[in-house]
Amino acid sequence: MTPKEIVLGGYQSFSQGDLESLGKIFHANALIKVNGNHKRSGEYKGFDDWRDNFLSHLATDYPNFSLEILHVVAEGDRVHVFVKYSADNLDANGVHIFLVEDGLQTEFIIFDDTQKMAVALES
């Protein structure tokens, strides 16, 4: 599978709520970085850390959260996914950057409109 296919498969797993399958495409030592200066910003070490300390809060932080893929750019082992976030308290865009090595995501950086994300977390 290409890095793009691996990444897009992860979005499919996420949309289906299949976190087990999603976790299988992350390297054990993957680094997930969430930009900004809000309570969910920071670095997560491995999928389990990100799942337990970020993903598990999505439903309460952003009620009725959904993510739409707008555009994908892939070159070599890097995949950039332009997304739109929607929730009861959120309407924002972001860019997700992945590094895929040996068939696993080793780095995932989330760049989004952190001001909108932070305001939504306060509502």
N, C-alpha and C. Protein backbone atom coordinates (compact mmCIF):
# COMPACT_ATOMS: atom_id res chain seq x y z
N MET A 1 0.84 -1.19 0.00
CA MET A 1 0.00 0.00 0.00
C MET A 1 0.88 1.25 0.00
N THR A 2 0.42 2.27 -0.66
CA THR A 2 1.14 3.54 -0.68
C THR A 2 0.88 4.30 0.61
N PRO A 3 1.74 5.27 0.96
CA PRO A 3 1.46 6.10 2.13
C PRO A 3 0.07 6.76 2.06
N LYS A 4 -0.32 7.22 0.88
CA LYS A 4 -1.64 7.85 0.74
C LYS A 4 -2.75 6.85 1.06
N GLU A 5 -2.63 5.64 0.56
CA GLU A 5 -3.66 4.62 0.82
C GLU A 5 -3.72 4.27 2.31
N ILE A 6 -2.58 4.21 2.97
CA ILE A 6 -2.54 3.91 4.40
C ILE A 6 -3.24 5.02 5.18
N VAL A 7 -2.90 6.27 4.87
CA VAL A 7 -3.50 7.40 5.57
C VAL A 7 -5.00 7.45 5.33
N LEU A 8 -5.43 7.34 4.10
CA LEU A 8 -6.86 7.40 3.80
C LEU A 8 -7.61 6.23 4.43
N GLY A 9 -6.96 5.08 4.54
CA GLY A 9 -7.56 3.96 5.25
C GLY A 9 -7.79 4.29 6.72
N GLY A 10 -6.88 5.07 7.28
CA GLY A 10 -7.03 5.50 8.67
C GLY A 10 -8.24 6.40 8.85
N TYR A 11 -8.46 7.30 7.90
CA TYR A 11 -9.65 8.15 7.97
C TYR A 11 -10.92 7.32 7.87
N GLN A 12 -10.89 6.28 7.04
CA GLN A 12 -12.05 5.41 6.91
C GLN A 12 -12.31 4.69 8.23
N SER A 13 -11.26 4.17 8.86
CA SER A 13 -11.41 3.51 10.15
C SER A 13 -11.97 4.47 11.19
N PHE A 14 -11.45 5.70 11.21
CA PHE A 14 -11.92 6.72 12.15
C PHE A 14 -13.40 7.00 11.92
N SER A 15 -13.80 7.17 10.67
CA SER A 15 -15.20 7.51 10.37
C SER A 15 -16.15 6.39 10.76
N GLN A 16 -15.65 5.16 10.78
CA GLN A 16 -16.46 4.01 11.16
C GLN A 16 -16.38 3.72 12.67
N GLY A 17 -15.60 4.52 13.38
CA GLY A 17 -15.43 4.30 14.82
C GLY A 17 -14.58 3.08 15.14
N ASP A 18 -13.80 2.63 14.18
CA ASP A 18 -12.96 1.43 14.35
C ASP A 18 -11.56 1.85 14.81
N LEU A 19 -11.45 2.16 16.09
CA LEU A 19 -10.16 2.62 16.62
C LEU A 19 -9.13 1.51 16.68
N GLU A 20 -9.57 0.27 16.74
CA GLU A 20 -8.62 -0.85 16.73
C GLU A 20 -7.86 -0.88 15.40
N SER A 21 -8.61 -0.79 14.31
CA SER A 21 -7.96 -0.78 12.99
C SER A 21 -7.12 0.47 12.80
N LEU A 22 -7.62 1.60 13.28
CA LEU A 22 -6.86 2.84 13.18
C LEU A 22 -5.53 2.71 13.90
N GLY A 23 -5.55 2.16 15.08
CA GLY A 23 -4.32 2.01 15.86
C GLY A 23 -3.28 1.13 15.20
N LYS A 24 -3.70 0.19 14.36
CA LYS A 24 -2.77 -0.73 13.72
C LYS A 24 -1.90 -0.08 12.66
N ILE A 25 -2.27 1.11 12.17
CA ILE A 25 -1.45 1.76 11.15
C ILE A 25 -0.46 2.75 11.75
N PHE A 26 -0.46 2.88 13.08
CA PHE A 26 0.50 3.74 13.77
C PHE A 26 1.67 2.91 14.27
N HIS A 27 2.87 3.40 14.07
CA HIS A 27 4.06 2.80 14.66
C HIS A 27 3.94 2.89 16.18
N ALA A 28 4.48 1.93 16.89
CA ALA A 28 4.40 1.92 18.36
C ALA A 28 4.95 3.21 18.97
N ASN A 29 5.97 3.81 18.34
CA ASN A 29 6.57 5.03 18.86
C ASN A 29 6.15 6.27 18.07
N ALA A 30 5.00 6.21 17.42
CA ALA A 30 4.53 7.36 16.63
C ALA A 30 4.42 8.59 17.51
N LEU A 31 4.71 9.73 16.91
CA LEU A 31 4.58 11.01 17.58
C LEU A 31 3.42 11.76 16.95
N ILE A 32 2.43 12.12 17.76
CA ILE A 32 1.28 12.89 17.30
C ILE A 32 1.38 14.26 17.95
N LYS A 33 1.39 15.30 17.12
CA LYS A 33 1.52 16.67 17.62
C LYS A 33 0.25 17.45 17.27
N VAL A 34 -0.34 18.08 18.28
CA VAL A 34 -1.51 18.93 18.08
C VAL A 34 -1.06 20.36 18.36
N ASN A 35 -1.12 21.20 17.31
CA ASN A 35 -0.61 22.56 17.49
C ASN A 35 -1.56 23.39 18.34
N GLY A 36 -1.12 24.56 18.70
CA GLY A 36 -1.96 25.50 19.44
C GLY A 36 -1.61 25.58 20.90
N ASN A 37 -2.49 26.28 21.60
CA ASN A 37 -2.28 26.53 23.02
C ASN A 37 -3.62 26.35 23.73
N HIS A 38 -4.20 25.16 23.60
CA HIS A 38 -5.44 24.85 24.31
C HIS A 38 -5.25 23.54 25.05
N LYS A 39 -6.26 23.10 25.77
CA LYS A 39 -6.08 21.96 26.67
C LYS A 39 -5.77 20.63 25.97
N ARG A 40 -6.00 20.52 24.68
CA ARG A 40 -5.68 19.30 23.95
C ARG A 40 -4.41 19.43 23.11
N SER A 41 -3.79 20.62 23.10
CA SER A 41 -2.54 20.84 22.37
C SER A 41 -1.41 20.06 23.04
N GLY A 42 -0.42 19.72 22.23
CA GLY A 42 0.75 19.08 22.80
C GLY A 42 1.18 17.88 21.99
N GLU A 43 2.05 17.10 22.59
CA GLU A 43 2.59 15.91 21.94
C GLU A 43 2.07 14.66 22.62
N TYR A 44 1.70 13.71 21.81
CA TYR A 44 1.23 12.42 22.28
C TYR A 44 2.19 11.36 21.78
N LYS A 45 2.57 10.46 22.65
CA LYS A 45 3.56 9.42 22.31
C LYS A 45 2.84 8.10 22.07
N GLY A 46 2.68 7.75 20.82
CA GLY A 46 2.01 6.51 20.46
C GLY A 46 0.52 6.66 20.35
N PHE A 47 -0.10 5.71 19.63
CA PHE A 47 -1.53 5.78 19.39
C PHE A 47 -2.34 5.71 20.68
N ASP A 48 -1.96 4.82 21.61
CA ASP A 48 -2.74 4.67 22.84
C ASP A 48 -2.82 5.97 23.62
N ASP A 49 -1.72 6.70 23.70
CA ASP A 49 -1.71 7.99 24.40
C ASP A 49 -2.66 8.97 23.70
N TRP A 50 -2.57 9.03 22.38
CA TRP A 50 -3.44 9.94 21.62
C TRP A 50 -4.90 9.52 21.74
N ARG A 51 -5.17 8.22 21.63
CA ARG A 51 -6.55 7.72 21.76
C ARG A 51 -7.13 8.06 23.13
N ASP A 52 -6.36 7.78 24.18
CA ASP A 52 -6.87 7.95 25.55
C ASP A 52 -6.96 9.41 25.98
N ASN A 53 -6.08 10.26 25.47
CA ASN A 53 -6.01 11.64 25.96
C ASN A 53 -6.45 12.70 24.96
N PHE A 54 -6.81 12.27 23.76
CA PHE A 54 -7.32 13.22 22.75
C PHE A 54 -8.61 12.70 22.13
N LEU A 55 -8.52 11.58 21.42
CA LEU A 55 -9.70 11.06 20.72
C LEU A 55 -10.86 10.77 21.65
N SER A 56 -10.58 10.26 22.84
CA SER A 56 -11.66 9.90 23.76
C SER A 56 -12.47 11.12 24.22
N HIS A 57 -11.95 12.32 24.00
CA HIS A 57 -12.64 13.54 24.42
C HIS A 57 -13.39 14.24 23.28
N LEU A 58 -13.24 13.76 22.06
CA LEU A 58 -13.85 14.45 20.92
C LEU A 58 -15.36 14.66 21.09
N ALA A 59 -16.07 13.62 21.50
CA ALA A 59 -17.53 13.71 21.59
C ALA A 59 -18.00 14.74 22.62
N THR A 60 -17.24 14.89 23.70
CA THR A 60 -17.64 15.87 24.72
C THR A 60 -17.08 17.26 24.41
N ASP A 61 -15.87 17.32 23.85
CA ASP A 61 -15.28 18.62 23.50
C ASP A 61 -16.00 19.27 22.33
N TYR A 62 -16.36 18.44 21.35
CA TYR A 62 -16.97 18.93 20.11
C TYR A 62 -18.19 18.07 19.79
N PRO A 63 -19.35 18.36 20.43
CA PRO A 63 -20.54 17.53 20.22
C PRO A 63 -20.90 17.42 18.73
N ASN A 64 -21.22 16.21 18.31
CA ASN A 64 -21.58 15.91 16.91
C ASN A 64 -20.44 16.22 15.96
N PHE A 65 -19.21 15.95 16.39
CA PHE A 65 -18.02 16.19 15.59
C PHE A 65 -18.06 15.39 14.30
N SER A 66 -17.65 16.05 13.23
CA SER A 66 -17.45 15.34 11.96
C SER A 66 -16.26 15.96 11.25
N LEU A 67 -15.67 15.18 10.39
CA LEU A 67 -14.49 15.60 9.65
C LEU A 67 -14.71 15.29 8.18
N GLU A 68 -14.45 16.26 7.33
CA GLU A 68 -14.58 16.09 5.88
C GLU A 68 -13.22 16.31 5.24
N ILE A 69 -12.80 15.39 4.39
CA ILE A 69 -11.56 15.55 3.65
C ILE A 69 -11.84 16.45 2.45
N LEU A 70 -11.07 17.54 2.35
CA LEU A 70 -11.24 18.48 1.25
C LEU A 70 -10.27 18.21 0.10
N HIS A 71 -9.03 17.83 0.45
CA HIS A 71 -7.98 17.69 -0.56
C HIS A 71 -6.83 16.88 0.04
N VAL A 72 -6.18 16.10 -0.78
CA VAL A 72 -5.04 15.28 -0.33
C VAL A 72 -3.86 15.51 -1.26
N VAL A 73 -2.68 15.73 -0.67
CA VAL A 73 -1.44 15.86 -1.43
C VAL A 73 -0.47 14.84 -0.86
N ALA A 74 0.03 13.98 -1.73
CA ALA A 74 0.98 12.95 -1.29
C ALA A 74 2.21 12.99 -2.16
N GLU A 75 3.37 12.96 -1.52
CA GLU A 75 4.64 12.92 -2.23
C GLU A 75 5.60 12.09 -1.41
N GLY A 76 6.02 10.99 -1.96
CA GLY A 76 6.94 10.11 -1.24
C GLY A 76 6.29 9.58 0.02
N ASP A 77 6.98 9.74 1.15
CA ASP A 77 6.47 9.22 2.41
C ASP A 77 5.65 10.24 3.20
N ARG A 78 5.37 11.40 2.59
CA ARG A 78 4.59 12.46 3.25
C ARG A 78 3.20 12.57 2.63
N VAL A 79 2.20 12.70 3.48
CA VAL A 79 0.83 12.87 3.03
C VAL A 79 0.24 14.06 3.79
N HIS A 80 -0.33 15.01 3.04
CA HIS A 80 -0.99 16.19 3.61
C HIS A 80 -2.47 16.10 3.30
N VAL A 81 -3.29 16.18 4.34
CA VAL A 81 -4.73 16.07 4.18
C VAL A 81 -5.37 17.36 4.69
N PHE A 82 -6.05 18.06 3.80
CA PHE A 82 -6.76 19.29 4.13
C PHE A 82 -8.17 18.89 4.54
N VAL A 83 -8.61 19.34 5.72
CA VAL A 83 -9.88 18.88 6.28
C VAL A 83 -10.75 20.04 6.73
N LYS A 84 -12.02 19.75 6.89
CA LYS A 84 -12.99 20.67 7.48
C LYS A 84 -13.59 19.96 8.68
N TYR A 85 -13.58 20.64 9.83
CA TYR A 85 -14.18 20.12 11.05
C TYR A 85 -15.54 20.78 11.23
N SER A 86 -16.51 19.99 11.65
CA SER A 86 -17.82 20.54 12.00
C SER A 86 -18.26 19.89 13.31
N ALA A 87 -18.95 20.68 14.12
CA ALA A 87 -19.56 20.20 15.36
C ALA A 87 -20.59 21.23 15.77
N ASP A 88 -21.34 20.93 16.82
CA ASP A 88 -22.33 21.90 17.29
C ASP A 88 -21.69 23.23 17.64
N ASN A 89 -20.45 23.17 18.10
CA ASN A 89 -19.74 24.36 18.56
C ASN A 89 -18.52 24.71 17.70
N LEU A 90 -18.46 24.18 16.47
CA LEU A 90 -17.23 24.34 15.70
C LEU A 90 -17.48 24.31 14.19
N ASP A 91 -16.79 25.19 13.49
CA ASP A 91 -16.72 25.20 12.03
C ASP A 91 -15.32 25.71 11.70
N ALA A 92 -14.42 24.81 11.36
CA ALA A 92 -13.01 25.19 11.18
C ALA A 92 -12.35 24.29 10.15
N ASN A 93 -11.20 24.74 9.66
CA ASN A 93 -10.39 23.97 8.72
C ASN A 93 -9.07 23.60 9.38
N GLY A 94 -8.43 22.58 8.82
CA GLY A 94 -7.13 22.16 9.32
C GLY A 94 -6.36 21.41 8.25
N VAL A 95 -5.10 21.16 8.56
CA VAL A 95 -4.24 20.36 7.70
C VAL A 95 -3.58 19.31 8.58
N HIS A 96 -3.66 18.07 8.14
CA HIS A 96 -3.02 16.96 8.83
C HIS A 96 -1.83 16.51 8.00
N ILE A 97 -0.68 16.41 8.63
CA ILE A 97 0.54 16.01 7.95
C ILE A 97 1.03 14.69 8.54
N PHE A 98 1.22 13.72 7.67
CA PHE A 98 1.65 12.39 8.08
C PHE A 98 2.99 12.05 7.47
N LEU A 99 3.80 11.34 8.24
CA LEU A 99 5.00 10.69 7.75
C LEU A 99 4.75 9.19 7.88
N VAL A 100 4.86 8.48 6.75
CA VAL A 100 4.62 7.04 6.73
C VAL A 100 5.93 6.36 6.37
N GLU A 101 6.37 5.46 7.24
CA GLU A 101 7.62 4.73 7.02
C GLU A 101 7.36 3.24 7.23
N ASP A 102 7.83 2.44 6.28
CA ASP A 102 7.67 0.98 6.36
C ASP A 102 6.22 0.57 6.62
N GLY A 103 5.29 1.28 5.99
CA GLY A 103 3.88 0.92 6.08
C GLY A 103 3.15 1.38 7.32
N LEU A 104 3.82 2.19 8.17
CA LEU A 104 3.19 2.68 9.40
C LEU A 104 3.34 4.19 9.52
N GLN A 105 2.34 4.81 10.11
CA GLN A 105 2.42 6.25 10.39
C GLN A 105 3.35 6.45 11.58
N THR A 106 4.42 7.19 11.35
CA THR A 106 5.38 7.44 12.42
C THR A 106 5.25 8.85 13.00
N GLU A 107 4.64 9.73 12.23
CA GLU A 107 4.43 11.10 12.69
C GLU A 107 3.11 11.62 12.13
N PHE A 108 2.37 12.32 12.98
CA PHE A 108 1.09 12.90 12.60
C PHE A 108 1.03 14.27 13.26
N ILE A 109 1.01 15.32 12.45
CA ILE A 109 0.97 16.69 12.95
C ILE A 109 -0.36 17.31 12.54
N ILE A 110 -1.06 17.87 13.51
CA ILE A 110 -2.36 18.49 13.27
C ILE A 110 -2.20 20.01 13.35
N PHE A 111 -2.39 20.66 12.21
CA PHE A 111 -2.42 22.12 12.15
C PHE A 111 -3.86 22.53 11.90
N ASP A 112 -4.42 23.30 12.80
CA ASP A 112 -5.79 23.74 12.60
C ASP A 112 -5.95 25.18 13.07
N ASP A 113 -7.14 25.69 12.94
CA ASP A 113 -7.44 27.04 13.41
C ASP A 113 -7.58 26.95 14.93
N THR A 114 -6.45 27.09 15.61
CA THR A 114 -6.43 26.84 17.06
C THR A 114 -7.29 27.82 17.83
N GLN A 115 -7.47 29.02 17.32
CA GLN A 115 -8.33 29.97 18.01
C GLN A 115 -9.77 29.44 18.02
N LYS A 116 -10.24 28.95 16.88
CA LYS A 116 -11.60 28.39 16.83
C LYS A 116 -11.69 27.13 17.69
N MET A 117 -10.66 26.31 17.67
CA MET A 117 -10.67 25.09 18.46
C MET A 117 -10.73 25.42 19.96
N ALA A 118 -9.95 26.40 20.37
CA ALA A 118 -9.91 26.79 21.79
C ALA A 118 -11.24 27.38 22.23
N VAL A 119 -11.84 28.23 21.41
CA VAL A 119 -13.14 28.83 21.73
C VAL A 119 -14.19 27.73 21.87
N ALA A 120 -14.18 26.77 20.97
CA ALA A 120 -15.14 25.67 21.03
C ALA A 120 -14.96 24.86 22.31
N LEU A 121 -13.73 24.69 22.76
CA LEU A 121 -13.47 23.94 23.99
C LEU A 121 -14.02 24.65 25.21
N GLU A 122 -14.14 25.97 25.13
CA GLU A 122 -14.65 26.76 26.26
C GLU A 122 -16.17 26.80 26.29
N SER A 123 -16.82 26.46 25.18
CA SER A 123 -18.29 26.59 25.14
C SER A 123 -18.99 25.41 25.76
